[in-house]
Every structure is written in structure tokens, then in C-alpha cells.
Amino acid sequence: MNKTFWIPLIVSFGTMIVLYIIGFIANIDSLIFNISLSHTEISLVPIGVGIVMGFISERIIKSKSHANKS
């Protein structure tokens, strides 16, 4: 597959991982992924930000490829 698929995917997952790590280290409740025997808590903020960053990086790659073709 080409880079218009892989780069946004890596950016999305990388952003999610970095935000979860920051939330864990700094103990920020809106960025934490908690697992216990009674319940599992997943913050959707890193997932949403990761998806947005993936779309933004995809648009940047597509606009640069169109600019290079012209």
C-alpha cells in the first residue's frame, strides 16, 4: 500500500499512544485508560484526537501530491 494509507495510520495510533502515556504519567483523568476487575474505563479524547490527526495528515499528503503533479 502507498504512503497515503500508512502515514495517517501511524500518525493516528502514535497520537493515541502518546496521549495515553501523557495521561498515565501526569494522572490526567480525561486521558487515562483504566482497567480493574469491576469495570474498564476508556477515555475517548485520545481516540478522537488521533482520528482527527490522521485525517489532517492524509489531507496534507494529498495536497502535497497534487501540488507536485501540477
C-alpha atoms as a PDB file:
ATOM      1  CA  MET A   1       0.000   0.000   0.000  1.00  0.00           C
ATOM      2  CA  ASN A   2       1.111   3.549  -0.546  1.00  0.00           C
ATOM      3  CA  LYS A   3       2.056   6.258   1.906  1.00  0.00           C
ATOM      4  CA  THR A   4      -1.383   7.919   1.769  1.00  0.00           C
ATOM      5  CA  PHE A   5      -2.577   4.942   3.815  1.00  0.00           C
ATOM      6  CA  TRP A   6       0.348   4.164   6.133  1.00  0.00           C
ATOM      7  CA  ILE A   7       1.424   7.629   7.272  1.00  0.00           C
ATOM      8  CA  PRO A   8      -2.045   8.727   8.525  1.00  0.00           C
ATOM      9  CA  LEU A   9      -2.488   5.349  10.227  1.00  0.00           C
ATOM     10  CA  ILE A  10       0.848   5.647  12.015  1.00  0.00           C
ATOM     11  CA  VAL A  11       0.105   9.271  12.960  1.00  0.00           C
ATOM     12  CA  SER A  12      -3.303   8.266  14.373  1.00  0.00           C
ATOM     13  CA  PHE A  13      -2.029   5.412  16.501  1.00  0.00           C
ATOM     14  CA  GLY A  14       1.075   7.344  17.520  1.00  0.00           C
ATOM     15  CA  THR A  15      -1.013  10.283  18.703  1.00  0.00           C
ATOM     16  CA  MET A  16      -3.316   7.990  20.676  1.00  0.00           C
ATOM     17  CA  ILE A  17      -0.397   6.203  22.339  1.00  0.00           C
ATOM     18  CA  VAL A  18       1.383   9.458  23.223  1.00  0.00           C
ATOM     19  CA  LEU A  19      -1.778  10.978  24.733  1.00  0.00           C
ATOM     20  CA  TYR A  20      -2.491   7.859  26.798  1.00  0.00           C
ATOM     21  CA  ILE A  21       1.115   7.851  28.047  1.00  0.00           C
ATOM     22  CA  ILE A  22       0.918  11.552  28.956  1.00  0.00           C
ATOM     23  CA  GLY A  23      -2.367  10.904  30.773  1.00  0.00           C
ATOM     24  CA  PHE A  24      -0.854   7.989  32.679  1.00  0.00           C
ATOM     25  CA  ILE A  25       2.318   9.848  33.676  1.00  0.00           C
ATOM     26  CA  ALA A  26       0.596  13.136  34.586  1.00  0.00           C
ATOM     27  CA  ASN A  27      -2.501  11.377  36.031  1.00  0.00           C
ATOM     28  CA  ILE A  28      -4.935  13.330  33.832  1.00  0.00           C
ATOM     29  CA  ASP A  29      -8.360  11.695  34.104  1.00  0.00           C
ATOM     30  CA  SER A  30      -9.511  12.693  30.606  1.00  0.00           C
ATOM     31  CA  LEU A  31      -6.524  10.876  29.039  1.00  0.00           C
ATOM     32  CA  ILE A  32      -6.348   7.696  31.136  1.00  0.00           C
ATOM     33  CA  PHE A  33      -7.137   4.093  30.208  1.00  0.00           C
ATOM     34  CA  ASN A  34      -8.134   2.265  33.418  1.00  0.00           C
ATOM     35  CA  ILE A  35      -8.729  -1.469  33.793  1.00  0.00           C
ATOM     36  CA  SER A  36      -9.918  -3.058  37.019  1.00  0.00           C
ATOM     37  CA  LEU A  37     -11.836  -6.175  37.956  1.00  0.00           C
ATOM     38  CA  SER A  38     -15.126  -4.330  38.349  1.00  0.00           C
ATOM     39  CA  HIS A  39     -15.001  -2.037  35.313  1.00  0.00           C
ATOM     40  CA  THR A  40     -12.961  -0.766  32.382  1.00  0.00           C
ATOM     41  CA  GLU A  41     -12.665   2.945  31.685  1.00  0.00           C
ATOM     42  CA  ILE A  42     -11.500   4.189  28.288  1.00  0.00           C
ATOM     43  CA  SER A  43     -11.094   7.869  27.581  1.00  0.00           C
ATOM     44  CA  LEU A  44     -12.336   8.794  24.122  1.00  0.00           C
ATOM     45  CA  VAL A  45     -10.350  12.044  23.918  1.00  0.00           C
ATOM     46  CA  PRO A  46      -7.102  10.413  22.686  1.00  0.00           C
ATOM     47  CA  ILE A  47      -9.055   8.304  20.197  1.00  0.00           C
ATOM     48  CA  GLY A  48     -10.860  11.359  18.802  1.00  0.00           C
ATOM     49  CA  VAL A  49      -7.684  13.423  18.618  1.00  0.00           C
ATOM     50  CA  GLY A  50      -5.868  10.527  16.923  1.00  0.00           C
ATOM     51  CA  ILE A  51      -8.580  10.192  14.277  1.00  0.00           C
ATOM     52  CA  VAL A  52      -8.540  13.944  13.614  1.00  0.00           C
ATOM     53  CA  MET A  53      -4.736  13.925  13.305  1.00  0.00           C
ATOM     54  CA  GLY A  54      -4.984  11.022  10.835  1.00  0.00           C
ATOM     55  CA  PHE A  55      -7.430  12.967   8.651  1.00  0.00           C
ATOM     56  CA  ILE A  56      -5.270  16.092   8.806  1.00  0.00           C
ATOM     57  CA  SER A  57      -2.120  14.192   7.823  1.00  0.00           C
ATOM     58  CA  GLU A  58      -3.984  12.496   4.963  1.00  0.00           C
ATOM     59  CA  ARG A  59      -5.151  15.871   3.630  1.00  0.00           C
ATOM     60  CA  ILE A  60      -1.620  17.274   3.866  1.00  0.00           C
ATOM     61  CA  ILE A  61      -0.192  14.317   1.936  1.00  0.00           C
ATOM     62  CA  LYS A  62      -2.881  14.560  -0.750  1.00  0.00           C
ATOM     63  CA  SER A  63      -2.452  18.324  -1.161  1.00  0.00           C
ATOM     64  CA  LYS A  64       1.332  17.954  -1.464  1.00  0.00           C
ATOM     65  CA  SER A  65       0.958  15.194  -4.039  1.00  0.00           C
ATOM     66  CA  HIS A  66      -1.439  17.352  -6.083  1.00  0.00           C
ATOM     67  CA  ALA A  67       0.954  20.299  -5.844  1.00  0.00           C
ATOM     68  CA  ASN A  68       3.840  18.136  -7.089  1.00  0.00           C
ATOM     69  CA  LYS A  69       1.807  16.882 -10.080  1.00  0.00           C
ATOM     70  CA  SER A  70       0.956  20.398 -11.251  1.00  0.00           C
END
